[in-house]
Amino acid sequence: MHDIWNTEIIETNGVLQGPAKIPLQMLAEQEYDGHLSIHDDKQAQNLGFQGAPIEGPTHYSQFDPLLHSIWGDRWFEVGCISTHFKKVVIEGESVIAFVQRPTKHKNITRIWAVKDSGELVLEGTASLGPKHPITELDRLLKSRSTPEKLVILENVKIGDRSSKSDRVKMGFQSHLGKNYPFTLAQKLTKITESCDWYCEAINKNTPWGAAIIPFEMVNPLVRHTPDGLPSAKGPSIGLFTDLEIKMINGPLLVDQEYLLDREIVGLGESRRTESMWIKTFIRSINTEEVIATTLLNTATLKDSYQLYESEAERLGKN
């Protein structure tokens, strides 16, 4: 196994634990639909949050050294991290990642992360493919019933697909637009767990002949361009509640172009939110084979949409 990390891992009774890390906020200037997002302190506080949340996928990097210690380089090629976010993390708070060591011949295990206070940040599964077992989000999506009527997502339907494939590429200096106002190079200076194979300096000196895109940057890769799907009404503000990154024939490589196809695979509602599940297929530009997929549940806050009450009345929801 390659020594590509500088991370102390503790194992106690079959549970691997990484060091406490303080993730940094890089989305304070994120903008969509002409307004700042929930990652702006003022916007977040107006919606009842203590402060601007760190974006959920940021925490994924803390799991990579733990999972690589279990599954080796295969983690980058056919690994899957599938999580439900439980509690937002504000810049300055520290997070610790945990992984249950899988039993022999098992290719799936439990993962979770907590704050120093003991509050649960996220929980889910990590697995190894390419034929992946049932993941945390497979289970969650199957267990949720589809609402009869939605307001903010009135125009969104399960089965909606992007009209054409999108072409994307992430270079070290690629500007990712208003959705992600930073470059990969900037992210790598602040990432919680640095890996030699992410770095521009090492470039081709990896098992795959190029630097690899970290798991936490796969969602920016697929989300920084318009998705071609029906969207939530606005102005409104959303946040990620569930995310899965699944490698099938990975890893994804820096400066490599990919095709994206997207589909709405689920809709949901809670007391405070309406949500849609978007599955994205990341394909080879040459063969169109699926290299990886993402599954994102993004929840739009009802209180952030000014017309919610009047439109709910029109639709007979009240």
Protein backbone atom coordinates (compact mmCIF):
# COMPACT_ATOMS: atom_id res chain seq x y z
CA MET A 1 0.00 0.00 0.00
CA HIS A 2 1.30 3.44 -0.87
CA ASP A 3 2.18 5.92 1.87
CA ILE A 4 0.13 8.79 0.48
CA TRP A 5 -1.32 10.20 3.72
CA ASN A 6 0.03 11.94 6.78
CA THR A 7 -2.81 10.88 9.04
CA GLU A 8 -2.80 9.20 12.43
CA ILE A 9 -5.47 6.48 12.64
CA ILE A 10 -6.55 4.95 15.93
CA GLU A 11 -8.37 1.61 16.05
CA THR A 12 -10.38 0.56 19.11
CA ASN A 13 -12.53 -2.58 19.18
CA GLY A 14 -12.81 -2.66 15.41
CA VAL A 15 -13.61 1.04 14.99
CA LEU A 16 -11.16 3.24 13.08
CA GLN A 17 -10.97 6.88 14.16
CA GLY A 18 -9.23 9.75 12.41
CA PRO A 19 -7.91 12.94 13.99
CA ALA A 20 -10.16 15.89 14.83
CA LYS A 21 -10.22 18.38 11.96
CA ILE A 22 -11.69 21.87 11.58
CA PRO A 23 -13.23 22.14 8.09
CA LEU A 24 -13.06 25.55 6.44
CA GLN A 25 -15.89 27.49 4.81
CA MET A 26 -15.32 28.07 1.09
CA LEU A 27 -18.88 28.89 -0.01
CA ALA A 28 -19.50 32.21 1.75
CA GLU A 29 -19.74 33.87 -1.67
CA GLN A 30 -21.76 31.12 -3.33
CA GLU A 31 -24.57 32.60 -5.40
CA TYR A 32 -27.50 31.19 -7.33
CA ASP A 33 -30.76 32.67 -8.64
CA GLY A 34 -29.25 36.11 -8.02
CA HIS A 35 -28.81 35.76 -4.26
CA LEU A 36 -26.35 34.37 -1.73
CA SER A 37 -26.85 30.81 -0.48
CA ILE A 38 -27.32 29.31 2.98
CA HIS A 39 -23.52 29.28 3.28
CA ASP A 40 -23.67 33.05 3.89
CA ASP A 41 -23.91 33.80 7.63
CA LYS A 42 -26.70 36.37 7.34
CA GLN A 43 -28.83 34.18 5.07
CA ALA A 44 -28.35 31.20 7.37
CA GLN A 45 -29.20 33.16 10.52
CA ASN A 46 -32.32 34.60 8.89
CA LEU A 47 -33.49 31.00 8.40
CA GLY A 48 -32.88 30.02 12.01
CA PHE A 49 -29.38 28.55 11.78
CA GLN A 50 -26.62 29.50 14.20
CA GLY A 51 -24.33 30.33 11.29
CA ALA A 52 -23.43 29.37 7.76
CA PRO A 53 -23.09 25.58 7.38
CA ILE A 54 -19.95 23.98 5.99
CA GLU A 55 -20.98 22.13 2.82
CA GLY A 56 -21.65 18.48 3.71
CA PRO A 57 -19.29 16.82 1.17
CA THR A 58 -16.37 18.69 2.79
CA HIS A 59 -16.45 16.04 5.54
CA TYR A 60 -15.88 13.19 3.07
CA SER A 61 -12.13 13.79 2.91
CA GLN A 62 -11.77 12.80 6.57
CA PHE A 63 -12.98 9.30 5.69
CA ASP A 64 -10.60 8.71 2.78
CA PRO A 65 -7.48 7.75 4.81
CA LEU A 66 -9.56 5.40 6.98
CA LEU A 67 -11.20 3.66 4.03
CA HIS A 68 -7.97 3.53 2.02
CA SER A 69 -6.34 1.80 5.00
CA ILE A 70 -9.03 -0.90 4.75
CA TRP A 71 -9.44 -1.33 1.00
CA GLY A 72 -6.28 0.13 -0.47
CA ASP A 73 -6.24 1.74 -3.91
CA ARG A 74 -9.52 0.00 -4.77
CA TRP A 75 -11.22 2.61 -2.60
CA PHE A 76 -10.50 5.27 -5.24
CA GLU A 77 -11.50 2.96 -8.12
CA VAL A 78 -14.75 1.37 -6.92
CA GLY A 79 -15.49 2.96 -3.54
CA CYS A 80 -18.84 4.44 -2.53
CA ILE A 81 -19.63 6.84 0.31
CA SER A 82 -23.35 7.23 1.02
CA THR A 83 -24.50 9.51 3.86
CA HIS A 84 -27.39 11.28 5.52
CA PHE A 85 -26.40 14.65 7.01
CA LYS A 86 -27.73 15.06 10.54
CA LYS A 87 -26.29 18.29 11.93
CA VAL A 88 -24.71 21.31 10.27
CA VAL A 89 -21.13 22.24 11.11
CA ILE A 90 -20.15 25.89 11.50
CA GLU A 91 -16.61 27.05 10.72
CA GLY A 92 -14.51 26.70 13.87
CA GLU A 93 -16.16 23.47 15.00
CA SER A 94 -14.09 20.28 14.85
CA VAL A 95 -15.21 16.98 13.37
CA ILE A 96 -13.99 13.40 13.90
CA ALA A 97 -14.64 10.60 11.39
CA PHE A 98 -15.26 6.96 12.36
CA VAL A 99 -15.39 3.76 10.30
CA GLN A 100 -16.46 0.32 11.53
CA ARG A 101 -13.95 -2.18 10.20
CA PRO A 102 -15.94 -4.54 7.93
CA THR A 103 -16.09 -8.19 8.84
CA LYS A 104 -14.18 -10.62 6.65
CA HIS A 105 -15.44 -10.90 3.05
CA LYS A 106 -17.87 -7.97 3.57
CA ASN A 107 -17.70 -5.06 1.13
CA ILE A 108 -19.88 -2.62 3.07
CA THR A 109 -19.59 -1.02 6.50
CA ARG A 110 -20.99 1.77 8.70
CA ILE A 111 -19.43 5.22 8.89
CA TRP A 112 -20.25 8.29 10.97
CA ALA A 113 -18.82 11.64 12.04
CA VAL A 114 -19.31 13.63 15.22
CA LYS A 115 -18.43 17.04 16.63
CA ASP A 116 -16.29 17.38 19.75
CA SER A 117 -19.57 17.88 21.61
CA GLY A 118 -20.65 14.38 20.58
CA GLU A 119 -23.36 15.65 18.20
CA LEU A 120 -23.78 13.41 15.16
CA VAL A 121 -22.82 15.23 11.95
CA LEU A 122 -23.53 12.46 9.45
CA GLU A 123 -24.01 8.71 9.22
CA GLY A 124 -24.15 6.21 6.42
CA THR A 125 -22.26 3.48 4.62
CA ALA A 126 -19.03 2.99 2.74
CA SER A 127 -18.84 0.13 0.27
CA LEU A 128 -16.71 -1.41 -2.42
CA GLY A 129 -17.93 -2.29 -5.89
CA PRO A 130 -18.13 -2.34 -8.78
CA LYS A 131 -21.26 -4.34 -7.92
CA HIS A 132 -22.18 -2.32 -4.85
CA PRO A 133 -24.45 -3.66 -2.12
CA ILE A 134 -27.50 -1.71 -0.91
CA THR A 135 -26.21 1.64 0.36
CA GLU A 136 -27.52 4.02 2.99
CA LEU A 137 -29.24 6.17 0.36
CA ASP A 138 -30.66 3.17 -1.49
CA ARG A 139 -32.39 2.28 1.77
CA LEU A 140 -33.50 5.83 2.56
CA LEU A 141 -34.88 6.54 -0.90
CA LYS A 142 -36.82 3.28 -0.97
CA SER A 143 -38.32 4.01 2.46
CA ARG A 144 -39.68 7.46 1.57
CA SER A 145 -43.17 7.94 0.16
CA THR A 146 -43.75 10.45 -2.66
CA PRO A 147 -45.84 13.50 -1.66
CA GLU A 148 -49.10 14.02 -3.54
CA LYS A 149 -48.64 17.78 -3.88
CA LEU A 150 -45.60 20.02 -3.67
CA VAL A 151 -45.43 23.81 -3.87
CA ILE A 152 -41.83 24.84 -4.48
CA LEU A 153 -41.28 21.70 -6.56
CA GLU A 154 -44.68 21.82 -8.28
CA ASN A 155 -43.07 21.60 -11.72
CA VAL A 156 -40.67 18.77 -10.88
CA LYS A 157 -41.57 15.15 -11.60
CA ILE A 158 -39.86 11.83 -10.92
CA GLY A 159 -38.39 10.63 -14.20
CA ASP A 160 -37.50 14.12 -15.47
CA ARG A 161 -34.18 13.96 -17.29
CA SER A 162 -31.68 16.43 -18.67
CA SER A 163 -32.39 16.98 -22.34
CA LYS A 164 -28.80 16.38 -23.44
CA SER A 165 -25.47 15.22 -22.04
CA ASP A 166 -23.34 17.91 -20.40
CA ARG A 167 -19.57 18.00 -20.93
CA VAL A 168 -17.48 18.87 -17.89
CA LYS A 169 -13.83 18.94 -16.89
CA MET A 170 -12.07 19.99 -13.69
CA GLY A 171 -8.54 21.36 -13.95
CA PHE A 172 -6.51 22.64 -11.04
CA GLN A 173 -7.18 26.24 -12.06
CA SER A 174 -10.72 25.76 -13.42
CA HIS A 175 -13.12 28.42 -12.21
CA LEU A 176 -16.37 26.68 -11.24
CA GLY A 177 -18.65 29.72 -11.45
CA LYS A 178 -20.96 31.22 -8.85
CA ASN A 179 -22.09 27.84 -7.50
CA TYR A 180 -18.55 27.00 -6.40
CA PRO A 181 -16.48 30.20 -6.17
CA PHE A 182 -13.08 28.51 -5.84
CA THR A 183 -10.72 26.34 -7.87
CA LEU A 184 -9.51 22.81 -7.18
CA ALA A 185 -6.06 24.24 -6.43
CA GLN A 186 -7.58 26.55 -3.81
CA LYS A 187 -9.56 23.69 -2.28
CA LEU A 188 -6.41 21.58 -1.97
CA THR A 189 -4.79 24.26 0.21
CA LYS A 190 -7.67 23.93 2.72
CA ILE A 191 -8.77 20.30 2.39
CA THR A 192 -9.00 18.49 5.74
CA GLU A 193 -6.96 15.48 4.58
CA SER A 194 -4.35 16.01 1.91
CA CYS A 195 -3.31 13.13 -0.33
CA ASP A 196 -0.24 12.97 -2.56
CA TRP A 197 -2.34 11.75 -5.48
CA TYR A 198 -4.53 14.88 -5.42
CA CYS A 199 -1.62 17.25 -5.95
CA GLU A 200 -0.65 19.09 -9.11
CA ALA A 201 3.04 18.54 -8.38
CA ILE A 202 2.71 14.74 -8.56
CA ASN A 203 0.44 14.88 -11.60
CA LYS A 204 1.13 11.74 -13.70
CA ASN A 205 2.90 9.81 -10.94
CA THR A 206 -0.21 7.97 -9.73
CA PRO A 207 -1.43 4.44 -10.55
CA TRP A 208 -3.86 6.03 -13.06
CA GLY A 209 -1.41 8.32 -14.84
CA ALA A 210 -2.94 11.56 -13.58
CA ALA A 211 -3.93 13.37 -10.41
CA ILE A 212 -7.31 12.26 -9.05
CA ILE A 213 -10.32 14.33 -8.06
CA PRO A 214 -11.07 13.97 -4.30
CA PHE A 215 -14.42 12.44 -3.37
CA GLU A 216 -15.51 15.74 -1.83
CA MET A 217 -14.96 17.54 -5.16
CA VAL A 218 -17.06 15.15 -7.26
CA ASN A 219 -20.27 16.98 -6.37
CA PRO A 220 -18.83 20.35 -7.48
CA LEU A 221 -17.79 18.64 -10.73
CA VAL A 222 -21.38 17.62 -11.48
CA ARG A 223 -23.13 20.65 -9.95
CA HIS A 224 -21.19 23.67 -11.22
CA THR A 225 -22.98 23.75 -14.59
CA PRO A 226 -26.75 24.04 -15.26
CA ASP A 227 -28.30 20.59 -14.88
CA GLY A 228 -31.01 20.92 -17.54
CA LEU A 229 -33.70 19.73 -15.11
CA PRO A 230 -36.89 21.44 -13.88
CA SER A 231 -35.97 23.43 -10.78
CA ALA A 232 -37.37 24.67 -7.51
CA LYS A 233 -39.35 27.91 -7.62
CA GLY A 234 -37.47 30.92 -6.39
CA PRO A 235 -36.00 32.93 -4.99
CA SER A 236 -35.57 30.15 -2.44
CA ILE A 237 -32.72 28.55 -0.52
CA GLY A 238 -31.76 24.90 -0.23
CA LEU A 239 -29.22 22.67 1.45
CA PHE A 240 -27.91 19.14 0.99
CA THR A 241 -29.49 16.52 3.24
CA ASP A 242 -28.21 13.32 1.60
CA LEU A 243 -25.35 12.57 -0.78
CA GLU A 244 -23.77 9.51 -2.33
CA ILE A 245 -20.61 9.37 -4.44
CA LYS A 246 -20.17 5.98 -6.12
CA MET A 247 -17.17 4.89 -8.21
CA ILE A 248 -17.78 2.13 -10.73
CA ASN A 249 -14.63 2.36 -12.85
CA GLY A 250 -12.81 5.24 -11.25
CA PRO A 251 -11.16 7.30 -10.12
CA LEU A 252 -12.17 10.55 -11.77
CA LEU A 253 -9.12 12.36 -13.08
CA VAL A 254 -8.08 16.00 -13.10
CA ASP A 255 -8.16 17.60 -16.58
CA GLN A 256 -10.20 14.69 -17.99
CA GLU A 257 -13.45 15.54 -19.78
CA TYR A 258 -16.62 13.61 -18.87
CA LEU A 259 -20.24 13.39 -20.00
CA LEU A 260 -23.02 13.96 -17.48
CA ASP A 261 -26.63 12.76 -17.65
CA ARG A 262 -29.06 13.62 -14.85
CA GLU A 263 -32.43 12.32 -13.69
CA ILE A 264 -34.92 13.10 -10.91
CA VAL A 265 -35.33 9.81 -9.04
CA GLY A 266 -37.24 10.91 -5.93
CA LEU A 267 -39.27 13.69 -4.29
CA GLY A 268 -39.91 14.30 -0.61
CA GLU A 269 -41.33 16.64 1.98
CA SER A 270 -40.82 17.42 5.65
CA ARG A 271 -42.33 20.05 7.93
CA ARG A 272 -39.71 22.59 6.86
CA THR A 273 -38.59 21.47 3.40
CA GLU A 274 -39.43 20.09 -0.01
CA SER A 275 -36.72 17.95 -1.55
CA MET A 276 -35.69 16.29 -4.79
CA TRP A 277 -33.26 13.45 -5.40
CA ILE A 278 -31.02 13.92 -8.45
CA LYS A 279 -28.98 11.02 -9.82
CA THR A 280 -26.09 11.95 -12.10
CA PHE A 281 -24.34 9.47 -14.37
CA ILE A 282 -20.70 10.38 -15.10
CA ARG A 283 -19.66 8.77 -18.37
CA SER A 284 -16.49 8.29 -20.39
CA ILE A 285 -16.29 10.82 -23.20
CA ASN A 286 -14.91 8.07 -25.50
CA THR A 287 -16.91 4.95 -24.68
CA GLU A 288 -19.90 6.46 -22.79
CA GLU A 289 -19.48 3.78 -20.10
CA VAL A 290 -20.53 4.88 -16.61
CA ILE A 291 -17.42 5.77 -14.60
CA ALA A 292 -19.25 6.98 -11.47
CA THR A 293 -22.61 8.19 -10.20
CA THR A 294 -23.80 10.70 -7.64
CA LEU A 295 -27.10 10.76 -5.80
CA LEU A 296 -28.00 14.07 -4.18
CA ASN A 297 -31.03 14.99 -2.09
CA THR A 298 -31.30 18.76 -1.97
CA ALA A 299 -33.94 20.21 0.37
CA THR A 300 -35.46 23.64 -0.26
CA LEU A 301 -36.57 25.53 2.85
CA LYS A 302 -40.25 26.48 2.72
CA ASP A 303 -39.60 29.62 4.79
CA SER A 304 -37.15 30.86 2.16
CA TYR A 305 -39.87 31.05 -0.54
CA GLN A 306 -42.04 34.12 0.04
CA LEU A 307 -45.01 32.84 -1.94
CA TYR A 308 -45.17 29.47 -0.20
CA GLU A 309 -48.35 30.07 1.83
CA SER A 310 -50.37 31.63 -0.98
CA GLU A 311 -49.38 28.94 -3.47
CA ALA A 312 -50.04 26.18 -0.95
CA GLU A 313 -53.55 27.56 -0.57
CA ARG A 314 -54.00 27.62 -4.35
CA LEU A 315 -52.94 23.98 -4.54
CA GLY A 316 -55.24 22.99 -1.69
CA LYS A 317 -52.42 21.99 0.68
CA ASN A 318 -53.71 24.08 3.60
